[in-house]
Protein backbone atom coordinates (compact mmCIF):
# COMPACT_ATOMS: atom_id res chain seq x y z
CA UNK A 1 0.00 0.00 0.00
CA UNK A 2 2.83 2.44 0.72
CA UNK A 3 4.12 2.15 -2.83
CA UNK A 4 0.76 3.24 -4.23
CA UNK A 5 0.84 6.67 -2.55
CA UNK A 6 0.60 9.47 -5.05
CA UNK A 7 3.27 12.17 -5.35
CA UNK A 8 0.94 14.99 -4.11
CA UNK A 9 0.24 12.99 -0.96
CA UNK A 10 3.96 12.55 -0.31
CA UNK A 11 4.50 16.27 -0.74
CA UNK A 12 1.71 17.01 1.71
CA UNK A 13 3.21 14.68 4.27
CA UNK A 14 6.62 16.39 3.92
CA UNK A 15 5.08 19.82 4.47
CA UNK A 16 3.19 18.64 7.54
CA UNK A 17 6.32 16.97 8.94
CA UNK A 18 8.40 20.13 8.37
CA UNK A 19 5.73 22.26 10.01
CA UNK A 20 5.67 20.02 13.07
CA UNK A 21 9.49 20.04 13.24
CA UNK A 22 9.56 23.83 13.12
CA UNK A 23 7.05 24.03 15.92
CA UNK A 24 9.05 21.70 18.12
CA UNK A 25 12.57 23.02 17.31
CA UNK A 26 14.14 25.75 19.44
CA UNK A 27 14.75 29.38 18.45
CA UNK A 28 17.78 30.42 16.43
CA UNK A 29 19.39 33.60 15.14
CA UNK A 30 19.21 33.35 11.36
CA UNK A 31 20.69 36.79 10.57
CA UNK A 32 22.61 39.60 12.22
CA UNK A 33 24.01 42.74 10.59
CA UNK A 34 27.68 42.64 9.52
CA UNK A 35 30.32 44.93 11.05
CA UNK A 36 29.40 48.61 10.82
CA UNK A 37 31.82 51.55 10.41
CA UNK A 38 30.36 55.01 10.96
CA UNK A 39 31.39 58.62 11.50
CA UNK A 40 30.42 60.65 14.55
CA UNK A 41 26.93 62.12 14.06
CA UNK A 42 25.74 59.44 11.63
CA UNK A 43 23.05 56.79 12.15
CA UNK A 44 23.36 53.00 12.27
CA UNK A 45 20.81 50.19 11.98
CA UNK A 46 21.51 46.80 13.57
CA UNK A 47 19.15 43.94 12.66
CA UNK A 48 18.77 40.61 14.45
CA UNK A 49 16.39 38.07 12.89
CA UNK A 50 15.08 35.21 15.05
CA UNK A 51 13.40 32.04 13.84
CA UNK A 52 10.94 30.19 16.13
CA UNK A 53 11.05 33.00 18.66
CA UNK A 54 7.67 32.03 20.21
CA UNK A 55 7.69 33.20 23.87
CA UNK A 56 11.44 33.45 24.28
CA UNK A 57 12.85 36.83 25.39
CA UNK A 58 15.24 38.53 22.97
CA UNK A 59 17.50 41.39 23.96
CA UNK A 60 20.37 43.62 22.84
CA UNK A 61 23.33 44.43 25.03
CA UNK A 62 26.62 46.29 24.48
CA UNK A 63 30.15 45.63 25.71
CA UNK A 64 33.52 47.17 24.92
CA UNK A 65 35.73 45.56 22.33
CA UNK A 66 37.95 43.58 24.70
CA UNK A 67 35.05 42.77 27.04
CA UNK A 68 36.92 44.13 30.06
CA UNK A 69 33.97 46.13 31.35
CA UNK A 70 30.49 45.13 32.44
CA UNK A 71 27.98 44.89 29.58
CA UNK A 72 25.11 47.37 29.30
CA UNK A 73 21.59 46.11 28.57
CA UNK A 74 19.96 48.10 25.76
CA UNK A 75 16.67 46.26 25.29
CA UNK A 76 14.58 43.35 26.58
CA UNK A 77 11.89 41.98 24.35
CA UNK A 78 10.31 44.90 22.53
CA UNK A 79 11.18 47.45 25.24
CA UNK A 80 14.23 49.70 25.41
CA UNK A 81 16.20 49.64 28.65
CA UNK A 82 18.00 52.93 27.92
CA UNK A 83 16.46 56.38 28.24
CA UNK A 84 18.44 58.18 25.53
CA UNK A 85 16.30 59.43 22.66
CA UNK A 86 19.09 58.48 20.26
CA UNK A 87 18.13 54.79 20.62
CA UNK A 88 15.09 53.22 18.96
CA UNK A 89 13.91 49.59 18.78
CA UNK A 90 11.64 48.37 16.00
CA UNK A 91 9.98 44.95 16.11
CA UNK A 92 8.40 43.16 13.13
CA UNK A 93 7.31 39.56 12.54
CA UNK A 94 6.85 37.76 9.24
CA UNK A 95 5.72 34.13 9.18
CA UNK A 96 7.95 32.40 11.70
CA UNK A 97 10.73 35.05 11.78
CA UNK A 98 10.91 38.02 14.15
CA UNK A 99 13.15 41.03 13.50
CA UNK A 100 14.58 43.11 16.34
CA UNK A 101 16.02 46.26 14.71
CA UNK A 102 18.12 48.59 16.86
CA UNK A 103 18.68 52.12 15.56
CA UNK A 104 21.23 54.57 17.00
CA UNK A 105 21.09 58.20 15.88
CA UNK A 106 23.70 60.97 16.26
CA UNK A 107 26.46 58.48 16.96
CA UNK A 108 29.16 59.44 19.47
CA UNK A 109 32.54 57.76 19.90
CA UNK A 110 31.44 55.94 23.05
CA UNK A 111 28.83 54.07 20.99
CA UNK A 112 31.63 51.99 19.49
CA UNK A 113 31.73 48.42 20.75
CA UNK A 114 30.23 44.94 20.47
CA UNK A 115 26.44 44.71 20.17
CA UNK A 116 25.14 41.28 21.10
CA UNK A 117 21.74 39.92 20.17
CA UNK A 118 20.62 37.37 22.78
CA UNK A 119 17.89 34.75 23.03
CA UNK A 120 17.33 33.83 26.66
CA UNK A 121 16.64 30.09 26.46
CA UNK A 122 16.54 29.52 30.21
CA UNK A 123 18.17 30.84 33.37
CA UNK A 124 21.54 29.28 32.53
CA UNK A 125 21.81 29.35 28.75
CA UNK A 126 21.35 31.76 25.88
CA UNK A 127 21.92 31.94 22.15
CA UNK A 128 23.96 34.94 20.96
CA UNK A 129 25.43 36.59 17.91
CA UNK A 130 27.50 39.79 17.85
CA UNK A 131 28.03 42.70 15.50
CA UNK A 132 30.78 45.27 16.02
CA UNK A 133 30.21 48.99 15.58
CA UNK A 134 33.32 51.02 14.81
CA UNK A 135 33.13 54.79 15.08
CA UNK A 136 35.72 56.92 13.37
CA UNK A 137 37.01 59.43 15.91
CA UNK A 138 40.21 61.31 16.71
CA UNK A 139 42.81 59.62 18.91
CA UNK A 140 42.63 59.94 22.69
CA UNK A 141 45.75 59.11 24.69
CA UNK A 142 45.10 57.03 27.78
CA UNK A 143 46.65 57.89 31.13
CA UNK A 144 48.26 54.49 31.60
CA UNK A 145 51.23 55.88 33.51
CA UNK A 146 50.46 56.96 37.06
CA UNK A 147 52.25 60.27 36.58
CA UNK A 148 53.64 62.36 33.75
CA UNK A 149 57.00 62.47 35.56
CA UNK A 150 59.24 59.42 35.64
CA UNK A 151 62.29 59.40 37.94
CA UNK A 152 65.16 56.96 37.51
CA UNK A 153 68.76 56.71 38.72
CA UNK A 154 71.66 57.06 36.32
CA UNK A 155 72.47 53.65 34.83
CA UNK A 156 68.95 52.28 35.24
CA UNK A 157 66.52 51.49 32.42
CA UNK A 158 63.34 53.44 31.73
CA UNK A 159 60.17 52.51 29.86
CA UNK A 160 57.99 55.33 28.54
CA UNK A 161 54.52 54.08 27.57
CA UNK A 162 51.70 55.68 25.58
CA UNK A 163 48.49 53.99 24.49
CA UNK A 164 45.59 55.53 22.61
CA UNK A 165 42.01 54.87 21.62
CA UNK A 166 40.58 55.90 18.28
CA UNK A 167 39.39 54.55 14.97
CA UNK A 168 41.19 53.84 12.75
CA UNK A 169 43.77 52.60 15.26
CA UNK A 170 46.15 55.50 16.00
CA UNK A 171 49.86 55.36 15.28
CA UNK A 172 52.08 56.61 18.13
CA UNK A 173 55.39 58.43 17.68
CA UNK A 174 57.94 59.89 20.12
CA UNK A 175 60.25 62.88 20.08
CA UNK A 176 62.20 65.03 22.54
CA UNK A 177 61.86 68.71 23.33
CA UNK A 178 63.54 70.96 20.74
CA UNK A 179 63.78 67.88 18.47
CA UNK A 180 66.86 66.75 20.37
CA UNK A 181 68.33 63.38 19.45
CA UNK A 182 66.67 60.48 21.29
CA UNK A 183 68.91 58.31 23.49
CA UNK A 184 68.29 55.42 21.07
CA UNK A 185 69.29 57.62 18.13
CA UNK A 186 67.32 59.68 15.63
CA UNK A 187 64.80 62.42 16.28
CA UNK A 188 61.64 60.24 16.21
CA UNK A 189 60.58 56.74 17.21
CA UNK A 190 57.37 54.90 16.26
CA UNK A 191 55.67 52.58 18.75
CA UNK A 192 53.67 52.46 21.97
CA UNK A 193 56.74 51.92 24.16
CA UNK A 194 60.00 53.83 24.17
CA UNK A 195 62.63 51.79 26.04
CA UNK A 196 65.77 53.57 27.24
CA UNK A 197 68.63 51.45 28.59
CA UNK A 198 71.48 52.47 30.92
CA UNK A 199 70.28 56.04 31.40
CA UNK A 200 72.72 58.93 31.40
CA UNK A 201 72.13 62.35 32.89
CA UNK A 202 72.01 63.75 29.35
CA UNK A 203 68.87 61.68 28.74
CA UNK A 204 66.78 63.68 31.22
CA UNK A 205 64.26 66.14 29.88
CA UNK A 206 60.87 66.33 28.21
CA UNK A 207 59.57 63.63 25.88
CA UNK A 208 56.43 63.89 23.73
CA UNK A 209 54.27 61.02 22.51
CA UNK A 210 51.78 61.81 19.75
CA UNK A 211 48.86 59.67 18.57
CA UNK A 212 47.52 60.26 15.05
CA UNK A 213 45.00 58.36 12.93
CA UNK A 214 44.16 60.94 10.28
CA UNK A 215 40.82 61.81 11.91
CA UNK A 216 40.68 65.22 13.55
CA UNK A 217 43.71 66.52 15.41
CA UNK A 218 46.51 64.33 16.83
CA UNK A 219 46.67 63.99 20.61
CA UNK A 220 49.95 64.65 22.43
CA UNK A 221 51.13 63.83 25.94
CA UNK A 222 54.22 65.11 27.75
CA UNK A 223 56.39 62.89 29.93
CA UNK A 224 59.22 64.37 31.98
CA UNK A 225 62.12 62.01 32.56
CA UNK A 226 64.25 62.87 35.59
CA UNK A 227 67.60 61.10 36.01
CA UNK A 228 69.18 61.11 39.44
CA UNK A 229 72.96 61.53 39.47
CA UNK A 230 75.70 62.39 41.96
CA UNK A 231 77.08 65.96 42.16
CA UNK A 232 79.67 67.14 39.68
CA UNK A 233 81.55 70.28 40.76
CA UNK A 234 83.41 72.78 38.63
CA UNK A 235 85.37 75.82 39.87
CA UNK A 236 85.44 78.76 37.44
CA UNK A 237 88.49 80.31 39.21
CA UNK A 238 90.67 77.72 40.99
CA UNK A 239 93.04 80.48 42.14
CA UNK A 240 91.74 83.83 43.32
CA UNK A 241 93.90 86.80 44.35
CA UNK A 242 92.89 89.90 46.27
CA UNK A 243 94.46 92.62 48.38
CA UNK A 244 93.84 93.14 52.07
CA UNK A 245 90.71 95.08 53.10
CA UNK A 246 88.92 94.35 49.81
CA UNK A 247 85.94 92.10 49.10
CA UNK A 248 86.12 89.05 46.86
CA UNK A 249 83.87 86.19 45.72
CA UNK A 250 84.86 82.54 45.60
CA UNK A 251 82.44 80.23 43.84
CA UNK A 252 81.74 76.69 42.71
CA UNK A 253 79.20 75.38 40.22
CA UNK A 254 77.40 72.13 41.11
CA UNK A 255 75.38 69.98 38.75
CA UNK A 256 73.30 67.30 40.48
CA UNK A 257 69.84 65.78 40.82
CA UNK A 258 68.20 65.75 43.30
CA UNK A 259 69.32 69.23 44.38
CA UNK A 260 72.45 68.87 46.51
CA UNK A 261 73.34 70.17 49.96
CA UNK A 262 76.34 72.48 49.54
CA UNK A 263 78.78 73.48 52.28
CA UNK A 264 82.05 75.42 52.38
CA UNK A 265 85.23 74.82 54.36
CA UNK A 266 88.41 76.87 54.82
CA UNK A 267 91.47 75.07 56.05
CA UNK A 268 89.27 72.23 57.29
CA UNK A 269 86.74 74.37 59.19
CA UNK A 270 83.20 74.90 57.95
CA UNK A 271 82.19 78.39 56.94
CA UNK A 272 78.81 79.80 57.97
CA UNK A 273 76.93 82.96 57.12
CA UNK A 274 77.86 85.86 59.31
CA UNK A 275 80.84 88.06 60.12
CA UNK A 276 83.23 88.22 57.20
CA UNK A 277 81.33 85.65 55.11
CA UNK A 278 78.10 85.77 53.13
CA UNK A 279 77.03 82.55 51.39
CA UNK A 280 74.46 82.53 48.60
CA UNK A 281 73.19 79.92 46.15
CA UNK A 282 71.50 80.41 42.80
CA UNK A 283 69.72 77.71 40.82
CA UNK A 284 69.49 77.59 37.04
CA UNK A 285 68.21 75.14 34.40
CA UNK A 286 69.82 71.75 33.85
CA UNK A 287 70.00 71.11 37.61
CA UNK A 288 72.87 73.56 38.07
CA UNK A 289 73.46 75.42 41.36
CA UNK A 290 76.04 78.18 41.74
CA UNK A 291 77.29 78.66 45.30
CA UNK A 292 79.18 81.86 46.17
CA UNK A 293 81.07 82.84 49.29
CA UNK A 294 81.63 86.58 49.56
CA UNK A 295 84.54 87.49 51.78
CA UNK A 296 84.16 91.02 53.16
CA UNK A 297 87.18 93.24 53.90
CA UNK A 298 89.74 90.49 53.59
CA UNK A 299 92.14 89.98 56.50
CA UNK A 300 95.24 87.81 56.48
CA UNK A 301 93.44 84.92 58.19
CA UNK A 302 91.03 84.68 55.27
CA UNK A 303 93.68 83.56 52.82
CA UNK A 304 94.11 79.85 52.20
CA UNK A 305 92.35 76.87 50.67
CA UNK A 306 88.57 76.82 50.33
CA UNK A 307 86.72 73.54 49.73
CA UNK A 308 83.24 73.34 48.20
CA UNK A 309 81.42 70.11 49.12
CA UNK A 310 78.14 68.88 47.63
CA UNK A 311 76.11 65.76 48.39
CA UNK A 312 72.74 64.22 47.56
CA UNK A 313 71.14 60.77 47.88
CA UNK A 314 73.19 59.45 44.97
CA UNK A 315 76.69 60.54 46.04
CA UNK A 316 79.01 63.42 46.92
CA UNK A 317 81.88 65.44 45.50
CA UNK A 318 84.22 68.25 46.47
CA UNK A 319 86.44 70.79 44.76
CA UNK A 320 89.24 73.01 46.07
CA UNK A 321 90.27 76.56 45.28
CA UNK A 322 92.87 78.90 46.73
CA UNK A 323 92.55 82.52 47.84
CA UNK A 324 95.89 84.25 48.13
CA UNK A 325 97.12 87.77 48.80
CA UNK A 326 98.40 90.26 46.29
CA UNK A 327 99.42 93.87 46.74
CA UNK A 328 97.34 95.28 43.91
CA UNK A 329 93.54 95.06 44.29
CA UNK A 330 91.80 92.65 41.94
CA UNK A 331 90.01 95.13 39.68
CA UNK A 332 88.63 92.34 37.49
CA UNK A 333 86.24 91.47 40.27
CA UNK A 334 82.93 93.14 39.44
CA UNK A 335 82.03 93.64 43.08
CA UNK A 336 85.27 95.48 43.93
CA UNK A 337 84.83 97.45 47.10
CA UNK A 338 87.12 98.81 49.77
CA UNK A 339 86.73 100.04 53.32
CA UNK A 340 87.74 103.45 54.64
CA UNK A 341 90.72 102.41 56.80
CA UNK A 342 94.18 104.01 56.35
CA UNK A 343 95.75 100.79 55.13
CA UNK A 344 93.12 100.53 52.40
CA UNK A 345 94.03 104.02 51.22
CA UNK A 346 97.63 102.86 50.84
CA UNK A 347 96.54 99.93 48.66
CA UNK A 348 94.30 102.18 46.60
CA UNK A 349 97.26 104.48 45.93
CA UNK A 350 99.44 101.54 45.02
CA UNK A 351 96.78 100.33 42.62
CA UNK A 352 96.44 103.75 40.99
CA UNK A 353 100.24 104.14 40.70
CA UNK A 354 100.46 100.72 39.04
CA UNK A 355 97.85 101.71 36.49
CA UNK A 356 99.59 105.05 35.81
CA UNK A 357 102.94 103.28 35.37
CA UNK A 358 101.39 100.82 32.92
CA UNK A 359 99.81 103.68 30.97
CA UNK A 360 103.17 105.53 30.73
CA UNK A 361 104.92 102.36 29.55
CA UNK A 362 102.37 101.83 26.79
CA UNK A 363 102.72 105.47 25.70
CA UNK A 364 106.52 105.07 25.49
CA UNK A 365 106.21 101.94 23.37
CA UNK A 366 103.80 103.65 20.99
């Protein structure tokens, strides 16, 4: 009897069987929109088509690209879960297929991410498909370093890091202030990380990282690299001469970071402010400190060796200079000054006579 069934009857049986199978099979996502790339201010439409939806709950939710943050629910069923007017949800049903269409108007850069269409099968399982929305927007550098100042000791390594968000993915480049040569060579370096090995004090300064993706303006961040190093002392005038009763300056120039403690000694004894001595210190760029001891109305006991000592957490150094007596006042000293005593008058006269004698000699030679 089975062989005598007509072809139309077989077809009818197949249709009925398929219909029953569809009614008993579970829901499935038969279509979801492909990846979308939009500009800020545009509109996007995301479609999720569900077969055999019946009474199952369907929803949209959004997460960031690397799924490191908690997802945000956008809709459940045919109801929006967000209050922004920029979002709309349209629901249509044709035959056995339901369409959940999510529209986003006036797109902003934070709309970029993964949009997941979900069918909640039960309390422990769901069926999902995802579409990514990319939004073209200018680069934004992330504050992934705790501070914009990095401090290292001389000889250590340093890692300067910059990371940026943006679409298309930004390219990051590095340079130094005034386009100075980078410690690794060249004026620019491309990459998220600038690694500097065996730092020298010359490597300290300002570094710029710039992110650019061709959309809008590049974003730039400044990182100050400070390199700690022990004091280095130089003495502009290792030997200084002056006549009795006149003032004179002795000085040393200290380069160090952190700023050093500077002290002066004469013949092994520390010098302090007061009496015949005035001590001053002046800071300038490049971690340079100039320390000056002014000796007022020099007496014989002021002549001798002066030692400038400097120390910081990294190390210490010292330099020596000598102050000795001469009969003629040191007129090259810009702060030349004399007191009103009789002996000073004698030295003034000697100085004037020396100048007159020199003038007469030059006139004779000419």
